[in-house]
Amino acid sequence: MAYHRRGMRFEPNLSILFTELPLLERPAAAAAAGFEAAEIWWPFDEPDPPGARIDELIRAFDGAGVVLACLNFYAGDFGAGERGLISVPGEQARFRANVEVAVELAGKLHCGTLNALYGNRAVDATPDRQEALAIENLAVAVNAARRIGAQVVVEALNRVEYPRYGLHSVDQVVTFLDRVHDASGVEARCSLDVYHAAMTGDRLVESVARHGDRIGHVQLADVPGRHEPGTGTIDFPSVLDALERQGYEGWVGLEYIPSSESGASLHATIDWLAAHAPTPRA
């Protein structure tokens, strides 16, 4: 069932799909559905969990024969509203403790992309102070990821649902990444989450045309509702065609809330994407 499109390879996010199953059973479910890879948010409650729990996750992926396409760094307590740590004063120790653990885990699962969430605006720090901290922390993450040949990406979250988050648009992410490079010399890339970009009001095709060479990862869900591509208003064929024109050949994460059982939903989504692919150009 897995769908490939001129170098783009599609894979499910196991933190939002196959939630009918325990986490350790989800890689096998992805494999049974025909996928060779999957992505995941940081799957533990703490930044540096016991080694035995990490080993269980590694065995689950290896046993299923599934590659880890993208792994989030620890982003704090989602239930408490945290959305990343790199820019948050007082969280440097938690983030840096996680960097080493996450990079080691990514290396063992052949993961080429680690995603760093920027974090919410702090009441006791200026945006400039937060950006300086984020630049410092991101440079540490990028240098660690280099050891395993992986890239680090940063994503925007939409301002409608996450008004306190520090980066709301693709343009803002790219501007931040330029400042990271100017200050530290390291290169990080943008994760294009199509759902968040559309919710914020980004013109998706124009954003891809402007920043296609800066995009290191792509994730898909439709608006409204964050459900399957094809259930809402986003023109996914045009977005994917724009990515293709820019030469994007990375993983494309299916990071949506399924409207039905995950396996059936993924089958329907892959069929829809294949049916709505543009006619190949001569």
Protein backbone atom coordinates (compact mmCIF):
# COMPACT_ATOMS: atom_id res chain seq x y z
CA MET A 1 0.00 0.00 0.00
CA ALA A 2 2.88 2.41 0.63
CA TYR A 3 2.82 5.34 -1.76
CA HIS A 4 5.90 6.81 -3.43
CA ARG A 5 5.78 9.90 -5.58
CA ARG A 6 8.92 10.77 -7.56
CA GLY A 7 11.22 10.50 -4.57
CA MET A 8 8.68 11.48 -1.91
CA ARG A 9 7.86 8.59 0.41
CA PHE A 10 4.81 8.61 2.67
CA GLU A 11 4.71 7.28 6.22
CA PRO A 12 2.36 7.44 9.24
CA ASN A 13 2.91 9.30 12.48
CA LEU A 14 2.52 6.69 15.21
CA SER A 15 1.75 9.26 17.90
CA ILE A 16 -1.53 10.18 16.22
CA LEU A 17 -2.30 7.06 14.12
CA PHE A 18 -2.76 3.48 15.34
CA THR A 19 -3.60 4.84 18.79
CA GLU A 20 -6.07 1.94 19.04
CA LEU A 21 -2.95 -0.08 19.90
CA PRO A 22 -0.26 0.19 22.58
CA LEU A 23 2.75 2.19 21.39
CA LEU A 24 5.04 -0.81 21.06
CA GLU A 25 2.57 -2.56 18.73
CA ARG A 26 2.23 0.36 16.33
CA PRO A 27 5.42 -0.18 14.26
CA ALA A 28 4.22 -3.70 13.41
CA ALA A 29 0.80 -2.30 12.49
CA ALA A 30 2.46 0.22 10.17
CA ALA A 31 4.44 -2.58 8.54
CA ALA A 32 1.30 -4.70 8.15
CA ALA A 33 -0.34 -1.73 6.42
CA GLY A 34 2.51 -1.70 3.87
CA PHE A 35 4.71 1.10 5.21
CA GLU A 36 8.49 0.81 5.42
CA ALA A 37 8.88 3.77 7.77
CA ALA A 38 7.02 5.75 10.42
CA GLU A 39 7.57 8.87 12.50
CA ILE A 40 6.85 9.62 16.13
CA TRP A 41 6.72 12.44 18.64
CA TRP A 42 8.91 12.01 21.70
CA PRO A 43 7.24 8.88 23.11
CA PHE A 44 8.25 9.16 26.76
CA ASP A 45 7.08 11.36 29.63
CA GLU A 46 10.61 12.37 30.56
CA PRO A 47 13.58 13.68 28.54
CA ASP A 48 15.90 10.84 29.61
CA PRO A 49 13.86 7.68 30.28
CA PRO A 50 15.36 4.45 31.60
CA GLY A 51 17.41 2.57 29.04
CA ALA A 52 15.14 -0.46 29.25
CA ARG A 53 12.19 1.56 27.90
CA ILE A 54 14.29 2.88 25.02
CA ASP A 55 15.45 -0.65 24.22
CA GLU A 56 11.81 -1.80 24.07
CA LEU A 57 11.02 0.86 21.48
CA ILE A 58 14.09 -0.04 19.42
CA ARG A 59 13.07 -3.71 19.43
CA ALA A 60 9.55 -2.77 18.35
CA PHE A 61 10.81 -0.88 15.29
CA ASP A 62 13.56 -3.37 14.44
CA GLY A 63 11.24 -6.32 14.89
CA ALA A 64 8.74 -4.78 12.50
CA GLY A 65 11.42 -3.87 9.96
CA VAL A 66 10.31 -0.24 10.08
CA VAL A 67 12.69 2.72 9.78
CA LEU A 68 12.13 5.77 11.99
CA ALA A 69 11.67 8.64 9.54
CA CYS A 70 11.43 11.51 12.03
CA LEU A 71 11.71 11.83 15.81
CA ASN A 72 10.73 14.84 17.90
CA PHE A 73 13.02 15.98 20.65
CA TYR A 74 11.38 16.06 24.07
CA ALA A 75 8.97 19.01 23.98
CA GLY A 76 7.82 19.18 27.59
CA ASP A 77 4.45 18.32 29.08
CA PHE A 78 1.89 18.56 26.26
CA GLY A 79 -0.97 18.11 28.71
CA ALA A 80 0.21 21.20 30.58
CA GLY A 81 0.45 23.19 27.36
CA GLU A 82 4.20 23.03 26.79
CA ARG A 83 5.19 22.95 23.12
CA GLY A 84 8.96 22.69 23.01
CA LEU A 85 11.84 23.84 25.19
CA ILE A 86 14.58 25.35 23.04
CA SER A 87 13.51 28.97 23.65
CA VAL A 88 12.17 28.61 27.20
CA PRO A 89 14.28 30.07 30.03
CA GLY A 90 15.08 27.56 32.74
CA GLU A 91 14.62 24.54 30.47
CA GLN A 92 18.10 24.28 29.03
CA ALA A 93 19.10 21.36 31.27
CA ARG A 94 16.03 19.30 30.35
CA PHE A 95 16.47 19.95 26.64
CA ARG A 96 20.18 19.21 26.55
CA ALA A 97 19.75 16.04 28.59
CA ASN A 98 17.30 14.90 25.95
CA VAL A 99 19.53 15.79 23.00
CA GLU A 100 22.02 13.04 23.76
CA VAL A 101 19.30 10.45 24.40
CA ALA A 102 17.30 11.39 21.30
CA VAL A 103 20.32 11.39 19.00
CA GLU A 104 21.42 7.99 20.29
CA LEU A 105 17.91 6.60 19.77
CA ALA A 106 17.68 8.13 16.29
CA GLY A 107 21.02 6.63 15.32
CA LYS A 108 19.97 3.14 16.37
CA LEU A 109 16.76 3.40 14.34
CA HIS A 110 18.39 4.88 11.20
CA CYS A 111 16.47 8.13 11.67
CA GLY A 112 17.67 11.01 9.51
CA THR A 113 15.50 13.81 10.92
CA LEU A 114 15.00 15.20 14.42
CA ASN A 115 12.35 17.86 15.02
CA ALA A 116 12.80 20.63 17.61
CA LEU A 117 9.72 22.54 18.76
CA TYR A 118 10.51 26.18 19.55
CA GLY A 119 8.38 26.63 22.67
CA ASN A 120 5.86 29.13 24.00
CA ARG A 121 6.44 32.81 24.68
CA ALA A 122 7.59 33.30 28.26
CA VAL A 123 6.11 35.96 30.55
CA ASP A 124 9.48 36.66 32.16
CA ALA A 125 11.70 36.95 29.08
CA THR A 126 11.74 39.14 25.98
CA PRO A 127 11.41 37.59 22.51
CA ASP A 128 15.03 38.57 21.83
CA ARG A 129 16.20 36.73 24.94
CA GLN A 130 14.19 33.68 23.96
CA GLU A 131 15.57 33.73 20.44
CA ALA A 132 19.15 33.94 21.71
CA LEU A 133 18.51 30.93 23.94
CA ALA A 134 16.85 29.04 21.08
CA ILE A 135 19.82 29.72 18.81
CA GLU A 136 22.22 28.39 21.45
CA ASN A 137 20.18 25.26 22.13
CA LEU A 138 19.48 24.51 18.48
CA ALA A 139 23.19 24.72 17.65
CA VAL A 140 23.85 22.08 20.32
CA ALA A 141 21.16 19.85 18.80
CA VAL A 142 22.43 20.27 15.23
CA ASN A 143 26.01 19.48 16.20
CA ALA A 144 24.88 16.37 18.07
CA ALA A 145 22.73 15.20 15.13
CA ARG A 146 25.70 15.55 12.80
CA ARG A 147 27.34 12.64 14.60
CA ILE A 148 24.76 10.28 13.12
CA GLY A 149 24.39 12.09 9.79
CA ALA A 150 20.94 13.45 10.70
CA GLN A 151 19.35 16.84 10.14
CA VAL A 152 17.42 18.97 12.61
CA VAL A 153 14.19 20.66 11.55
CA VAL A 154 12.05 23.33 13.21
CA GLU A 155 8.32 23.72 12.59
CA ALA A 156 5.71 26.41 12.95
CA LEU A 157 2.52 25.75 14.91
CA ASN A 158 -0.64 27.61 13.96
CA ARG A 159 -1.59 30.77 15.82
CA VAL A 160 -5.27 29.76 16.10
CA GLU A 161 -4.71 26.78 18.39
CA TYR A 162 -1.29 27.76 19.77
CA PRO A 163 -1.27 31.56 20.17
CA ARG A 164 1.59 31.46 22.71
CA TYR A 165 3.95 29.47 20.47
CA GLY A 166 6.95 31.40 19.22
CA LEU A 167 6.86 30.65 15.47
CA HIS A 168 3.57 30.74 13.58
CA SER A 169 4.52 30.73 9.89
CA VAL A 170 6.98 29.20 7.48
CA ASP A 171 8.45 32.65 6.87
CA GLN A 172 9.09 33.07 10.61
CA VAL A 173 10.80 29.69 10.82
CA VAL A 174 13.08 30.47 7.88
CA THR A 175 13.98 33.87 9.34
CA PHE A 176 14.85 32.18 12.63
CA LEU A 177 16.98 29.57 10.86
CA ASP A 178 18.86 32.34 9.03
CA ARG A 179 19.66 33.91 12.41
CA VAL A 180 20.79 30.55 13.75
CA HIS A 181 23.22 30.23 10.86
CA ASP A 182 24.47 33.79 11.17
CA ALA A 183 25.09 33.41 14.91
CA SER A 184 26.45 29.86 15.11
CA GLY A 185 27.30 28.72 11.60
CA VAL A 186 25.06 25.64 11.81
CA GLU A 187 22.39 24.69 9.30
CA ALA A 188 18.94 23.54 10.35
CA ARG A 189 15.93 23.15 8.09
CA CYS A 190 12.21 23.85 8.10
CA SER A 191 9.57 21.20 8.70
CA LEU A 192 6.56 22.06 6.56
CA ASP A 193 3.48 20.99 8.48
CA VAL A 194 0.80 21.70 5.89
CA TYR A 195 -2.01 21.68 8.46
CA HIS A 196 -0.40 24.29 10.71
CA ALA A 197 0.62 26.45 7.75
CA ALA A 198 -2.91 26.41 6.34
CA MET A 199 -4.49 27.14 9.72
CA THR A 200 -2.20 30.16 10.09
CA GLY A 201 -3.11 31.40 6.61
CA ASP A 202 0.13 30.71 4.75
CA ARG A 203 -0.26 30.52 0.98
CA LEU A 204 1.08 27.00 0.72
CA VAL A 205 2.19 26.85 -2.91
CA GLU A 206 3.84 30.27 -2.62
CA SER A 207 5.60 29.25 0.60
CA VAL A 208 6.97 26.13 -1.07
CA ALA A 209 8.12 28.18 -4.06
CA ARG A 210 9.92 30.66 -1.77
CA HIS A 211 11.42 28.20 0.67
CA GLY A 212 11.48 24.82 -1.07
CA ASP A 213 15.24 24.51 -0.72
CA ARG A 214 14.91 25.00 3.06
CA ILE A 215 12.32 22.27 3.66
CA GLY A 216 13.70 19.16 5.32
CA HIS A 217 10.48 17.36 6.25
CA VAL A 218 6.80 17.51 5.31
CA GLN A 219 3.65 16.52 7.21
CA LEU A 220 0.07 16.36 5.94
CA ALA A 221 -3.38 16.83 7.50
CA ASP A 222 -6.40 18.68 6.17
CA VAL A 223 -8.23 21.79 7.35
CA PRO A 224 -10.57 21.93 9.21
CA GLY A 225 -10.37 19.13 11.74
CA ARG A 226 -6.83 17.85 11.09
CA HIS A 227 -8.24 14.77 9.40
CA GLU A 228 -7.23 12.86 6.26
CA PRO A 229 -6.05 14.70 3.15
CA GLY A 230 -9.11 15.09 0.95
CA THR A 231 -11.55 15.69 3.79
CA GLY A 232 -11.16 19.48 3.88
CA THR A 233 -10.12 22.51 1.90
CA ILE A 234 -6.37 22.13 1.27
CA ASP A 235 -5.36 21.61 -2.36
CA PHE A 236 -2.90 18.80 -1.69
CA PRO A 237 -2.20 17.96 -5.35
CA SER A 238 -0.97 21.53 -5.91
CA VAL A 239 1.13 21.50 -2.73
CA LEU A 240 2.75 18.18 -3.60
CA ASP A 241 3.31 19.33 -7.18
CA ALA A 242 5.04 22.47 -5.86
CA LEU A 243 7.27 20.33 -3.62
CA GLU A 244 8.09 18.11 -6.57
CA ARG A 245 9.07 21.15 -8.67
CA GLN A 246 11.40 22.23 -5.87
CA GLY A 247 13.04 18.80 -5.89
CA TYR A 248 11.83 17.63 -2.49
CA GLU A 249 12.68 13.94 -2.09
CA GLY A 250 12.21 13.36 1.62
CA TRP A 251 9.70 11.59 3.80
CA VAL A 252 6.12 12.89 3.96
CA GLY A 253 4.50 12.23 7.31
CA LEU A 254 0.77 11.46 7.47
CA GLU A 255 0.15 13.31 10.74
CA TYR A 256 -3.61 13.46 10.87
CA ILE A 257 -6.43 12.40 13.20
CA PRO A 258 -8.06 9.40 11.50
CA SER A 259 -11.79 9.49 10.93
CA SER A 260 -11.97 5.70 11.11
CA GLU A 261 -9.78 2.78 12.17
CA SER A 262 -6.18 3.74 11.37
CA GLY A 263 -5.39 0.98 8.87
CA ALA A 264 -8.55 1.59 6.84
CA SER A 265 -8.02 5.34 7.02
CA LEU A 266 -4.45 5.05 5.72
CA HIS A 267 -5.54 2.80 2.85
CA ALA A 268 -8.18 5.34 1.85
CA THR A 269 -5.70 8.22 2.16
CA ILE A 270 -3.07 6.56 0.02
CA ASP A 271 -5.69 5.70 -2.59
CA TRP A 272 -6.89 9.33 -2.57
CA LEU A 273 -3.36 10.74 -2.92
CA ALA A 274 -2.60 8.38 -5.80
CA ALA A 275 -5.87 9.19 -7.56
CA HIS A 276 -5.25 12.94 -7.27
CA ALA A 277 -1.63 12.96 -8.35
CA PRO A 278 -0.99 15.35 -11.27
CA THR A 279 -0.43 13.90 -14.72
CA PRO A 280 3.33 13.32 -15.13
CA ARG A 281 5.04 16.02 -17.15
CA ALA A 282 6.77 15.03 -20.37
